[in-house]
Amino acid sequence: MTPQRDTLVDRVLAELRPGLSAEVLEQVDDLARALTAARRIACYGVGREGLMMKALAMRLFHLGLDAHVVGDMTTPPMTTQDLLVASAGPGHFSTVEALMDVAKEAGAKVICVTAEPDGVVPKKADLVIHLPAQTMAADRGDAATSILPMGSLYEALMFLFFEILVLDLRDRMEISPDAMRANHTNLE
């Protein structure tokens, strides 16, 4: 690696560190309890946040949970026993707000993962998971804090936070790595 790349790597890792602080990771407990208490889990996000939510849904499925991605044809309806986990990094997306309203009307619990806990969408959630990172809500001018473009820091933090959550759930549910692997598709 060139010295310039080394510097970029060091800076990105330094930017991620606050998002993995003990205070942030304390939220894993409440999220894990909500996930294991739900009969069904539906995950949703837009854009690259949506990709991270799909990654979470996949790992929840590997753990043996009844997890789905909103928009897939096989996603069941939400009921009072279910949970919608949605990402609204900047604090608001009209689609996330609309889906949260539908889930709540059906009696489901709603969790919002966000970098902006005072946003419109997080305020409607039953539980807010705050991941402190730059999103497109503050990626320009003096508000910009990351060298990564737009919401990349938030999206990277989502992935890492979710992987730590999965490890916690694996231990909490006493699921072996081999049992998780057995739930992985063979249609690849």
C-alpha atoms as a PDB file:
ATOM      1  CA  MET A   1       0.000   0.000   0.000  1.00  0.00           C
ATOM      2  CA  THR A   2       1.072   3.514  -0.630  1.00  0.00           C
ATOM      3  CA  PRO A   3       1.429   5.926   2.297  1.00  0.00           C
ATOM      4  CA  GLN A   4      -1.597   7.843   1.000  1.00  0.00           C
ATOM      5  CA  ARG A   5      -3.748   4.689   1.072  1.00  0.00           C
ATOM      6  CA  ASP A   6      -2.461   3.840   4.540  1.00  0.00           C
ATOM      7  CA  THR A   7      -3.600   7.281   5.679  1.00  0.00           C
ATOM      8  CA  LEU A   8      -7.025   6.809   4.088  1.00  0.00           C
ATOM      9  CA  VAL A   9      -7.448   3.404   5.746  1.00  0.00           C
ATOM     10  CA  ASP A  10      -6.410   4.816   9.119  1.00  0.00           C
ATOM     11  CA  ARG A  11      -8.856   7.694   8.744  1.00  0.00           C
ATOM     12  CA  VAL A  12     -11.781   5.460   7.756  1.00  0.00           C
ATOM     13  CA  LEU A  13     -11.106   3.104  10.670  1.00  0.00           C
ATOM     14  CA  ALA A  14     -10.888   6.094  13.026  1.00  0.00           C
ATOM     15  CA  GLU A  15     -14.231   7.360  11.697  1.00  0.00           C
ATOM     16  CA  LEU A  16     -15.871   3.959  12.310  1.00  0.00           C
ATOM     17  CA  ARG A  17     -14.579   3.610  15.892  1.00  0.00           C
ATOM     18  CA  PRO A  18     -17.083   5.970  17.613  1.00  0.00           C
ATOM     19  CA  GLY A  19     -19.916   4.043  16.007  1.00  0.00           C
ATOM     20  CA  LEU A  20     -18.713   0.879  17.725  1.00  0.00           C
ATOM     21  CA  SER A  21     -18.283   2.412  21.177  1.00  0.00           C
ATOM     22  CA  ALA A  22     -19.572   0.661  24.284  1.00  0.00           C
ATOM     23  CA  GLU A  23     -22.476   3.120  24.421  1.00  0.00           C
ATOM     24  CA  VAL A  24     -23.560   2.281  20.876  1.00  0.00           C
ATOM     25  CA  LEU A  25     -23.094  -1.459  21.363  1.00  0.00           C
ATOM     26  CA  GLU A  26     -25.293  -1.393  24.497  1.00  0.00           C
ATOM     27  CA  GLN A  27     -28.204  -1.117  22.057  1.00  0.00           C
ATOM     28  CA  VAL A  28     -27.543  -4.675  20.886  1.00  0.00           C
ATOM     29  CA  ASP A  29     -29.319  -6.064  23.976  1.00  0.00           C
ATOM     30  CA  ASP A  30     -32.654  -4.334  23.327  1.00  0.00           C
ATOM     31  CA  LEU A  31     -32.513  -5.142  19.623  1.00  0.00           C
ATOM     32  CA  ALA A  32     -31.646  -8.792  20.276  1.00  0.00           C
ATOM     33  CA  ARG A  33     -34.539  -9.133  22.748  1.00  0.00           C
ATOM     34  CA  ALA A  34     -36.975  -7.626  20.257  1.00  0.00           C
ATOM     35  CA  LEU A  35     -35.781  -9.869  17.438  1.00  0.00           C
ATOM     36  CA  THR A  36     -36.004 -13.073  19.457  1.00  0.00           C
ATOM     37  CA  ALA A  37     -39.451 -12.141  20.811  1.00  0.00           C
ATOM     38  CA  ALA A  38     -40.941 -11.611  17.357  1.00  0.00           C
ATOM     39  CA  ARG A  39     -42.767 -14.338  15.495  1.00  0.00           C
ATOM     40  CA  ARG A  40     -41.765 -12.821  12.155  1.00  0.00           C
ATOM     41  CA  ILE A  41     -39.293 -10.110  11.234  1.00  0.00           C
ATOM     42  CA  ALA A  42     -39.459  -7.902   8.165  1.00  0.00           C
ATOM     43  CA  CYS A  43     -36.443  -5.780   7.222  1.00  0.00           C
ATOM     44  CA  TYR A  44     -36.485  -2.688   5.028  1.00  0.00           C
ATOM     45  CA  GLY A  45     -34.225   0.084   3.831  1.00  0.00           C
ATOM     46  CA  VAL A  46     -33.703   2.127   0.697  1.00  0.00           C
ATOM     47  CA  GLY A  47     -30.609   2.277  -1.500  1.00  0.00           C
ATOM     48  CA  ARG A  48     -27.399   1.063   0.082  1.00  0.00           C
ATOM     49  CA  GLU A  49     -29.085   1.069   3.488  1.00  0.00           C
ATOM     50  CA  GLY A  50     -31.483  -1.437   1.943  1.00  0.00           C
ATOM     51  CA  LEU A  51     -28.563  -3.676   1.015  1.00  0.00           C
ATOM     52  CA  MET A  52     -27.411  -3.678   4.632  1.00  0.00           C
ATOM     53  CA  MET A  53     -30.956  -4.520   5.761  1.00  0.00           C
ATOM     54  CA  LYS A  54     -31.014  -7.425   3.302  1.00  0.00           C
ATOM     55  CA  ALA A  55     -27.706  -8.624   4.740  1.00  0.00           C
ATOM     56  CA  LEU A  56     -29.250  -8.491   8.225  1.00  0.00           C
ATOM     57  CA  ALA A  57     -32.346 -10.411   7.097  1.00  0.00           C
ATOM     58  CA  MET A  58     -30.141 -13.093   5.573  1.00  0.00           C
ATOM     59  CA  ARG A  59     -28.144 -13.575   8.782  1.00  0.00           C
ATOM     60  CA  LEU A  60     -31.329 -13.619  10.887  1.00  0.00           C
ATOM     61  CA  PHE A  61     -32.603 -16.374   8.604  1.00  0.00           C
ATOM     62  CA  HIS A  62     -29.311 -18.241   9.050  1.00  0.00           C
ATOM     63  CA  LEU A  63     -29.930 -18.053  12.808  1.00  0.00           C
ATOM     64  CA  GLY A  64     -33.271 -19.782  12.277  1.00  0.00           C
ATOM     65  CA  LEU A  65     -35.457 -16.698  12.731  1.00  0.00           C
ATOM     66  CA  ASP A  66     -38.431 -16.115  10.448  1.00  0.00           C
ATOM     67  CA  ALA A  67     -36.898 -13.126   8.664  1.00  0.00           C
ATOM     68  CA  HIS A  68     -38.017 -11.494   5.413  1.00  0.00           C
ATOM     69  CA  VAL A  69     -37.178  -8.523   3.207  1.00  0.00           C
ATOM     70  CA  VAL A  70     -40.018  -6.104   2.523  1.00  0.00           C
ATOM     71  CA  GLY A  71     -40.767  -6.140  -1.187  1.00  0.00           C
ATOM     72  CA  ASP A  72     -40.034  -9.822  -1.724  1.00  0.00           C
ATOM     73  CA  MET A  73     -43.119 -11.680  -2.944  1.00  0.00           C
ATOM     74  CA  THR A  74     -42.858 -14.139  -0.048  1.00  0.00           C
ATOM     75  CA  THR A  75     -42.934 -11.512   2.708  1.00  0.00           C
ATOM     76  CA  PRO A  76     -45.937 -12.354   4.903  1.00  0.00           C
ATOM     77  CA  PRO A  77     -48.321  -9.742   6.324  1.00  0.00           C
ATOM     78  CA  MET A  78     -47.366  -8.088   9.597  1.00  0.00           C
ATOM     79  CA  THR A  79     -49.433  -8.891  12.696  1.00  0.00           C
ATOM     80  CA  THR A  80     -49.368  -8.075  16.399  1.00  0.00           C
ATOM     81  CA  GLN A  81     -46.709 -10.748  16.920  1.00  0.00           C
ATOM     82  CA  ASP A  82     -44.307  -9.350  14.339  1.00  0.00           C
ATOM     83  CA  LEU A  83     -41.535  -6.811  13.984  1.00  0.00           C
ATOM     84  CA  LEU A  84     -40.537  -4.391  11.250  1.00  0.00           C
ATOM     85  CA  VAL A  85     -36.888  -3.305  11.361  1.00  0.00           C
ATOM     86  CA  ALA A  86     -36.341  -0.334   9.054  1.00  0.00           C
ATOM     87  CA  SER A  87     -33.418   1.942   8.374  1.00  0.00           C
ATOM     88  CA  ALA A  88     -33.804   5.689   7.975  1.00  0.00           C
ATOM     89  CA  GLY A  89     -30.226   6.907   8.265  1.00  0.00           C
ATOM     90  CA  PRO A  90     -31.002  10.575   7.557  1.00  0.00           C
ATOM     91  CA  GLY A  91     -34.088  10.459   9.791  1.00  0.00           C
ATOM     92  CA  HIS A  92     -36.692  10.363   7.047  1.00  0.00           C
ATOM     93  CA  PHE A  93     -37.614   8.503   3.907  1.00  0.00           C
ATOM     94  CA  SER A  94     -41.235   8.664   2.768  1.00  0.00           C
ATOM     95  CA  THR A  95     -41.307   4.939   1.942  1.00  0.00           C
ATOM     96  CA  VAL A  96     -39.931   3.982   5.363  1.00  0.00           C
ATOM     97  CA  GLU A  97     -42.485   6.218   7.067  1.00  0.00           C
ATOM     98  CA  ALA A  98     -45.339   4.726   5.039  1.00  0.00           C
ATOM     99  CA  LEU A  99     -44.267   1.134   5.772  1.00  0.00           C
ATOM    100  CA  MET A 100     -43.865   1.903   9.463  1.00  0.00           C
ATOM    101  CA  ASP A 101     -47.410   3.286   9.508  1.00  0.00           C
ATOM    102  CA  VAL A 102     -48.755   0.133   7.827  1.00  0.00           C
ATOM    103  CA  ALA A 103     -46.878  -2.149  10.262  1.00  0.00           C
ATOM    104  CA  LYS A 104     -48.055  -0.172  13.303  1.00  0.00           C
ATOM    105  CA  GLU A 105     -51.648  -0.191  12.015  1.00  0.00           C
ATOM    106  CA  ALA A 106     -51.391  -4.000  11.849  1.00  0.00           C
ATOM    107  CA  GLY A 107     -50.191  -3.999  15.462  1.00  0.00           C
ATOM    108  CA  ALA A 108     -46.572  -4.909  14.736  1.00  0.00           C
ATOM    109  CA  LYS A 109     -43.678  -3.419  16.680  1.00  0.00           C
ATOM    110  CA  VAL A 110     -41.371  -1.116  14.718  1.00  0.00           C
ATOM    111  CA  ILE A 111     -37.661  -0.547  15.134  1.00  0.00           C
ATOM    112  CA  CYS A 112     -35.841   2.255  13.344  1.00  0.00           C
ATOM    113  CA  VAL A 113     -32.090   2.171  12.762  1.00  0.00           C
ATOM    114  CA  THR A 114     -30.856   5.720  12.168  1.00  0.00           C
ATOM    115  CA  ALA A 115     -28.084   8.252  12.466  1.00  0.00           C
ATOM    116  CA  GLU A 116     -30.645  10.977  13.206  1.00  0.00           C
ATOM    117  CA  PRO A 117     -32.730   9.860  16.224  1.00  0.00           C
ATOM    118  CA  ASP A 118     -34.665  13.136  16.302  1.00  0.00           C
ATOM    119  CA  GLY A 119     -35.926  12.617  12.747  1.00  0.00           C
ATOM    120  CA  VAL A 120     -39.577  12.202  11.811  1.00  0.00           C
ATOM    121  CA  VAL A 121     -39.349   8.440  11.217  1.00  0.00           C
ATOM    122  CA  PRO A 122     -37.407   7.469  14.362  1.00  0.00           C
ATOM    123  CA  LYS A 123     -39.902   9.380  16.492  1.00  0.00           C
ATOM    124  CA  LYS A 124     -42.626   6.990  15.273  1.00  0.00           C
ATOM    125  CA  ALA A 125     -40.663   3.846  16.215  1.00  0.00           C
ATOM    126  CA  ASP A 126     -41.126   1.665  19.286  1.00  0.00           C
ATOM    127  CA  LEU A 127     -37.341   1.344  19.545  1.00  0.00           C
ATOM    128  CA  VAL A 128     -34.621   3.482  17.982  1.00  0.00           C
ATOM    129  CA  ILE A 129     -31.128   2.169  17.297  1.00  0.00           C
ATOM    130  CA  HIS A 130     -28.828   5.169  16.982  1.00  0.00           C
ATOM    131  CA  LEU A 131     -25.713   4.624  14.882  1.00  0.00           C
ATOM    132  CA  PRO A 132     -23.731   7.869  14.976  1.00  0.00           C
ATOM    133  CA  ALA A 133     -22.347   8.375  11.496  1.00  0.00           C
ATOM    134  CA  GLN A 134     -22.555  10.721   8.569  1.00  0.00           C
ATOM    135  CA  THR A 135     -25.448  10.156   6.160  1.00  0.00           C
ATOM    136  CA  MET A 136     -26.698  12.144   3.211  1.00  0.00           C
ATOM    137  CA  ALA A 137     -28.503  14.339   5.751  1.00  0.00           C
ATOM    138  CA  ALA A 138     -25.159  15.962   6.591  1.00  0.00           C
ATOM    139  CA  ASP A 139     -22.608  15.180   3.908  1.00  0.00           C
ATOM    140  CA  ARG A 140     -21.922  18.660   2.524  1.00  0.00           C
ATOM    141  CA  GLY A 141     -20.041  21.721   3.595  1.00  0.00           C
ATOM    142  CA  ASP A 142     -19.255  22.233   7.272  1.00  0.00           C
ATOM    143  CA  ALA A 143     -21.669  19.460   8.284  1.00  0.00           C
ATOM    144  CA  ALA A 144     -19.575  16.786   6.528  1.00  0.00           C
ATOM    145  CA  THR A 145     -17.493  14.762   8.971  1.00  0.00           C
ATOM    146  CA  SER A 146     -16.357  11.794   6.881  1.00  0.00           C
ATOM    147  CA  ILE A 147     -13.981  11.375   3.987  1.00  0.00           C
ATOM    148  CA  LEU A 148     -16.318   8.679   2.678  1.00  0.00           C
ATOM    149  CA  PRO A 149     -18.978   9.860   0.228  1.00  0.00           C
ATOM    150  CA  MET A 150     -22.582  10.509   1.178  1.00  0.00           C
ATOM    151  CA  GLY A 151     -23.852   7.837   3.607  1.00  0.00           C
ATOM    152  CA  SER A 152     -21.040   5.303   3.211  1.00  0.00           C
ATOM    153  CA  LEU A 153     -19.867   5.672   6.812  1.00  0.00           C
ATOM    154  CA  TYR A 154     -23.380   4.954   8.124  1.00  0.00           C
ATOM    155  CA  GLU A 155     -23.798   1.987   5.795  1.00  0.00           C
ATOM    156  CA  ALA A 156     -20.438   0.485   6.809  1.00  0.00           C
ATOM    157  CA  LEU A 157     -21.349   0.976  10.442  1.00  0.00           C
ATOM    158  CA  MET A 158     -24.712  -0.734   9.863  1.00  0.00           C
ATOM    159  CA  PHE A 159     -22.931  -3.803   8.499  1.00  0.00           C
ATOM    160  CA  LEU A 160     -20.483  -4.002  11.409  1.00  0.00           C
ATOM    161  CA  PHE A 161     -23.146  -3.328  14.053  1.00  0.00           C
ATOM    162  CA  PHE A 162     -25.392  -6.010  12.541  1.00  0.00           C
ATOM    163  CA  GLU A 163     -22.568  -8.559  12.469  1.00  0.00           C
ATOM    164  CA  ILE A 164     -21.907  -7.911  16.174  1.00  0.00           C
ATOM    165  CA  LEU A 165     -25.656  -8.308  16.769  1.00  0.00           C
ATOM    166  CA  VAL A 166     -25.595 -11.642  14.924  1.00  0.00           C
ATOM    167  CA  LEU A 167     -22.726 -12.897  17.083  1.00  0.00           C
ATOM    168  CA  ASP A 168     -24.671 -11.855  20.185  1.00  0.00           C
ATOM    169  CA  LEU A 169     -27.825 -13.576  18.924  1.00  0.00           C
ATOM    170  CA  ARG A 170     -25.881 -16.714  18.039  1.00  0.00           C
ATOM    171  CA  ASP A 171     -24.633 -16.957  21.621  1.00  0.00           C
ATOM    172  CA  ARG A 172     -27.955 -15.936  23.163  1.00  0.00           C
ATOM    173  CA  MET A 173     -29.860 -18.508  21.102  1.00  0.00           C
ATOM    174  CA  GLU A 174     -27.119 -21.144  21.480  1.00  0.00           C
ATOM    175  CA  ILE A 175     -26.850 -21.631  17.715  1.00  0.00           C
ATOM    176  CA  SER A 176     -23.626 -23.191  16.461  1.00  0.00           C
ATOM    177  CA  PRO A 177     -21.767 -21.856  13.420  1.00  0.00           C
ATOM    178  CA  ASP A 178     -22.519 -25.215  11.733  1.00  0.00           C
ATOM    179  CA  ALA A 179     -26.251 -24.805  12.401  1.00  0.00           C
ATOM    180  CA  MET A 180     -26.128 -21.362  10.827  1.00  0.00           C
ATOM    181  CA  ARG A 181     -24.256 -22.749   7.850  1.00  0.00           C
ATOM    182  CA  ALA A 182     -26.882 -25.476   7.436  1.00  0.00           C
ATOM    183  CA  ASN A 183     -29.471 -22.743   6.807  1.00  0.00           C
ATOM    184  CA  HIS A 184     -27.433 -21.241   3.957  1.00  0.00           C
ATOM    185  CA  THR A 185     -28.872 -21.780   0.501  1.00  0.00           C
ATOM    186  CA  ASN A 186     -27.450 -24.457  -1.751  1.00  0.00           C
ATOM    187  CA  LEU A 187     -28.931 -22.811  -4.859  1.00  0.00           C
ATOM    188  CA  GLU A 188     -25.894 -20.743  -5.770  1.00  0.00           C
END
